[in-house]
Protein backbone atom coordinates (compact mmCIF):
# COMPACT_ATOMS: atom_id res chain seq x y z
CA UNK A 1 0.00 0.00 0.00
CA UNK A 2 1.36 3.41 -1.01
CA UNK A 3 0.41 6.42 1.09
CA UNK A 4 -0.02 9.69 -0.76
CA UNK A 5 1.85 12.80 0.47
CA UNK A 6 -1.49 14.35 1.42
CA UNK A 7 -2.54 11.32 3.46
CA UNK A 8 0.81 11.18 5.22
CA UNK A 9 0.67 14.91 5.99
CA UNK A 10 -2.77 14.28 7.50
CA UNK A 11 -1.36 11.49 9.67
CA UNK A 12 1.40 13.74 10.98
CA UNK A 13 -1.06 16.58 11.66
CA UNK A 14 -3.31 14.20 13.58
CA UNK A 15 -0.36 13.03 15.67
CA UNK A 16 0.70 16.63 16.37
CA UNK A 17 -2.81 17.64 17.39
CA UNK A 18 -3.13 14.60 19.66
CA UNK A 19 0.13 15.31 21.48
CA UNK A 20 -0.43 19.06 21.78
CA UNK A 21 -4.07 18.86 22.86
CA UNK A 22 -3.29 18.20 26.53
CA UNK A 23 -0.78 21.03 27.22
CA UNK A 24 -2.64 23.56 25.08
CA UNK A 25 -5.93 22.57 26.74
CA UNK A 26 -4.28 23.04 30.12
CA UNK A 27 -3.24 26.55 29.06
CA UNK A 28 -6.81 27.39 28.14
CA UNK A 29 -8.20 25.97 31.40
CA UNK A 30 -5.56 27.80 33.41
CA UNK A 31 -6.43 31.12 31.80
CA UNK A 32 -10.13 30.59 32.54
CA UNK A 33 -9.36 29.80 36.18
CA UNK A 34 -7.08 32.82 36.44
CA UNK A 35 -9.82 35.13 35.18
CA UNK A 36 -12.24 33.90 37.85
CA UNK A 37 -9.81 33.50 40.76
CA UNK A 38 -9.24 36.27 43.32
CA UNK A 39 -7.30 34.43 46.02
CA UNK A 40 -3.58 35.39 45.71
CA UNK A 41 -2.32 31.89 46.50
CA UNK A 42 -4.62 30.26 43.98
CA UNK A 43 -3.67 32.82 41.36
CA UNK A 44 -0.01 32.05 41.98
CA UNK A 45 -0.76 28.34 41.56
CA UNK A 46 -2.60 29.04 38.31
CA UNK A 47 0.41 30.95 37.01
CA UNK A 48 2.67 28.02 37.88
CA UNK A 49 0.41 25.67 35.93
CA UNK A 50 0.32 28.07 33.00
CA UNK A 51 4.12 28.30 32.94
CA UNK A 52 4.42 24.51 33.05
CA UNK A 53 1.89 24.02 30.24
CA UNK A 54 3.61 26.67 28.12
CA UNK A 55 6.99 24.98 28.64
CA UNK A 56 5.63 21.56 27.72
CA UNK A 57 3.96 22.96 24.60
CA UNK A 58 7.16 24.71 23.51
CA UNK A 59 9.24 21.57 24.07
CA UNK A 60 6.87 19.46 21.99
CA UNK A 61 6.82 22.01 19.17
CA UNK A 62 10.64 22.18 19.09
CA UNK A 63 10.82 18.39 18.99
CA UNK A 64 8.22 17.99 16.24
CA UNK A 65 9.81 20.76 14.16
CA UNK A 66 13.05 18.78 13.98
CA UNK A 67 11.53 15.28 13.96
CA UNK A 68 8.70 15.86 11.48
CA UNK A 69 9.40 19.19 9.80
CA UNK A 70 11.76 20.37 7.09
CA UNK A 71 14.23 21.55 9.77
CA UNK A 72 14.74 24.90 8.15
CA UNK A 73 18.04 26.54 9.00
CA UNK A 74 19.94 23.24 8.92
CA UNK A 75 22.02 21.91 6.05
CA UNK A 76 22.50 18.26 5.20
CA UNK A 77 24.02 17.72 8.65
CA UNK A 78 22.56 18.74 12.00
CA UNK A 79 24.34 19.79 15.18
CA UNK A 80 23.87 16.91 17.63
CA UNK A 81 23.24 19.41 20.42
CA UNK A 82 19.99 20.37 18.68
CA UNK A 83 18.89 16.73 18.62
CA UNK A 84 19.81 16.21 22.26
CA UNK A 85 17.92 19.29 23.40
CA UNK A 86 14.86 18.13 21.46
CA UNK A 87 14.91 14.65 23.04
CA UNK A 88 15.62 16.03 26.53
CA UNK A 89 12.71 18.44 26.17
CA UNK A 90 10.33 15.70 25.06
CA UNK A 91 11.30 12.97 27.53
CA UNK A 92 11.98 15.41 30.36
CA UNK A 93 8.31 16.35 30.51
CA UNK A 94 7.64 12.83 31.81
CA UNK A 95 9.17 12.69 35.29
CA UNK A 96 9.28 8.88 35.13
CA UNK A 97 11.62 8.82 32.13
CA UNK A 98 15.39 9.20 32.13
CA UNK A 99 17.72 9.73 29.17
CA UNK A 100 21.20 8.35 28.69
CA UNK A 101 22.92 10.09 25.78
CA UNK A 102 25.91 8.18 24.44
CA UNK A 103 26.50 10.10 21.20
CA UNK A 104 29.93 11.67 20.77
CA UNK A 105 29.67 12.83 17.14
CA UNK A 106 29.31 16.64 16.93
CA UNK A 107 26.91 16.42 13.98
CA UNK A 108 24.95 13.83 12.04
CA UNK A 109 23.16 13.57 8.68
CA UNK A 110 19.71 15.16 8.77
CA UNK A 111 18.05 11.86 7.85
CA UNK A 112 19.78 10.09 10.73
CA UNK A 113 18.65 12.78 13.17
CA UNK A 114 15.03 12.41 12.05
CA UNK A 115 15.22 8.64 12.48
CA UNK A 116 16.82 9.05 15.91
CA UNK A 117 14.19 11.51 17.13
CA UNK A 118 11.25 9.46 15.92
CA UNK A 119 12.67 6.28 17.44
CA UNK A 120 13.16 8.19 20.71
CA UNK A 121 9.50 9.21 20.59
CA UNK A 122 8.43 5.59 20.09
CA UNK A 123 10.85 4.24 22.70
CA UNK A 124 9.58 6.70 25.30
CA UNK A 125 5.99 5.71 24.59
CA UNK A 126 6.78 2.02 25.20
CA UNK A 127 7.81 2.74 28.81
CA UNK A 128 4.31 2.99 30.21
CA UNK A 129 5.54 2.85 33.83
CA UNK A 130 8.68 4.86 33.30
CA UNK A 131 12.26 3.82 32.76
CA UNK A 132 15.37 4.78 30.81
CA UNK A 133 15.94 5.50 27.13
CA UNK A 134 19.57 5.07 26.07
CA UNK A 135 20.64 6.45 22.68
CA UNK A 136 23.87 5.73 20.83
CA UNK A 137 25.11 6.41 17.30
CA UNK A 138 28.18 5.21 15.41
CA UNK A 139 29.03 6.89 12.12
CA UNK A 140 31.56 5.55 9.63
CA UNK A 141 32.36 6.58 6.08
CA UNK A 142 29.79 4.09 4.80
CA UNK A 143 27.01 3.91 7.37
CA UNK A 144 25.32 5.68 10.27
CA UNK A 145 24.09 3.16 12.83
CA UNK A 146 21.53 4.23 15.42
CA UNK A 147 20.65 2.17 18.50
CA UNK A 148 18.10 2.93 21.21
CA UNK A 149 17.48 0.85 24.32
CA UNK A 150 14.26 1.17 26.32
CA UNK A 151 14.47 -0.28 29.85
CA UNK A 152 11.67 -0.32 32.38
CA UNK A 153 9.34 -2.38 34.56
CA UNK A 154 6.73 -2.63 31.79
CA UNK A 155 7.26 -2.37 28.04
CA UNK A 156 4.35 -2.09 25.63
CA UNK A 157 4.99 -1.73 21.90
CA UNK A 158 1.85 -1.62 19.78
CA UNK A 159 2.01 -4.39 17.13
CA UNK A 160 1.09 -1.80 14.50
CA UNK A 161 4.16 0.25 15.36
CA UNK A 162 6.45 -2.79 15.30
CA UNK A 163 5.15 -3.89 11.90
CA UNK A 164 5.26 -0.37 10.46
CA UNK A 165 8.82 0.21 11.64
CA UNK A 166 10.17 -2.87 9.90
CA UNK A 167 7.75 -3.36 6.98
CA UNK A 168 6.16 0.04 6.32
CA UNK A 169 2.51 0.10 5.29
CA UNK A 170 2.74 -3.43 3.83
CA UNK A 171 -0.80 -3.31 2.51
CA UNK A 172 -2.40 -2.12 5.74
CA UNK A 173 -3.89 1.24 6.66
CA UNK A 174 -1.66 3.46 8.80
CA UNK A 175 -3.15 5.25 11.80
CA UNK A 176 -1.88 8.58 13.22
CA UNK A 177 -0.36 6.64 16.13
CA UNK A 178 2.02 4.95 13.67
CA UNK A 179 3.00 8.13 11.80
CA UNK A 180 6.44 8.30 13.44
CA UNK A 181 7.08 4.62 12.73
CA UNK A 182 6.10 5.05 9.09
CA UNK A 183 8.41 8.06 8.77
CA UNK A 184 11.32 6.04 10.18
CA UNK A 185 10.67 3.18 7.77
CA UNK A 186 10.29 5.53 4.80
CA UNK A 187 13.51 7.44 5.50
CA UNK A 188 15.44 4.19 5.94
CA UNK A 189 13.95 2.63 2.79
CA UNK A 190 14.68 5.68 0.65
CA UNK A 191 18.28 5.66 1.87
CA UNK A 192 18.67 1.96 1.17
CA UNK A 193 18.93 1.21 4.88
CA UNK A 194 17.06 -0.92 7.39
CA UNK A 195 15.22 -0.78 10.72
CA UNK A 196 15.28 -3.40 13.48
CA UNK A 197 13.14 -3.95 16.58
CA UNK A 198 13.95 -6.67 19.12
CA UNK A 199 11.59 -8.64 21.29
CA UNK A 200 11.23 -7.41 24.87
CA UNK A 201 13.57 -9.44 27.08
CA UNK A 202 14.10 -8.85 30.82
CA UNK A 203 12.55 -5.40 30.67
CA UNK A 204 14.65 -4.31 27.70
CA UNK A 205 13.65 -3.46 24.13
CA UNK A 206 16.09 -2.47 21.38
CA UNK A 207 15.48 -0.30 18.33
CA UNK A 208 18.07 0.02 15.59
CA UNK A 209 18.52 1.61 12.18
CA UNK A 210 21.35 1.55 9.66
CA UNK A 211 21.50 4.30 7.04
CA UNK A 212 24.08 4.27 4.25
CA UNK A 213 26.02 7.53 3.93
CA UNK A 214 25.81 8.68 0.32
């Protein structure tokens, strides 16, 4: 099954709206409470909630700009610090998640960064009770290899995401939930690379991608 550019754009928009609905809704609710509240302590609490919701919204937008967008302002290679800040902003909003960053390269190909970010999004979602996401990259003259390890007390990877990561659409309809997985598979396929997902063993799940450097 081939997904048209319009359909895929719709999937990404649906995913963006889903993830931004909660913090933006909290901003709206906080503003309504602030308008009606006269108690100084409660108003201060409302302002704290507004600041938190604004920060979460900004972090998600920065992440999605680099993970899903055209990444304007970047060339064919992206400063790894930008990728790290995006992942830290996304995962840091969940107090139960920790990040271990094992990447030493100062910059990476744009395609590799997009794959890394989208795999980080998926890996974080699998840790339903919290845990640690470890990210490593090794770049050679021929290939950029990306590995993510999700470790936690409970791992849940939707079968649709697993299938989409490794096989793409493969004749099935893609839901907004699998938009990131489809993007990873498409980028890897267009580059002549591959994507791997392990079985969950002893609270650990591995994601990997290999992208040839052209």
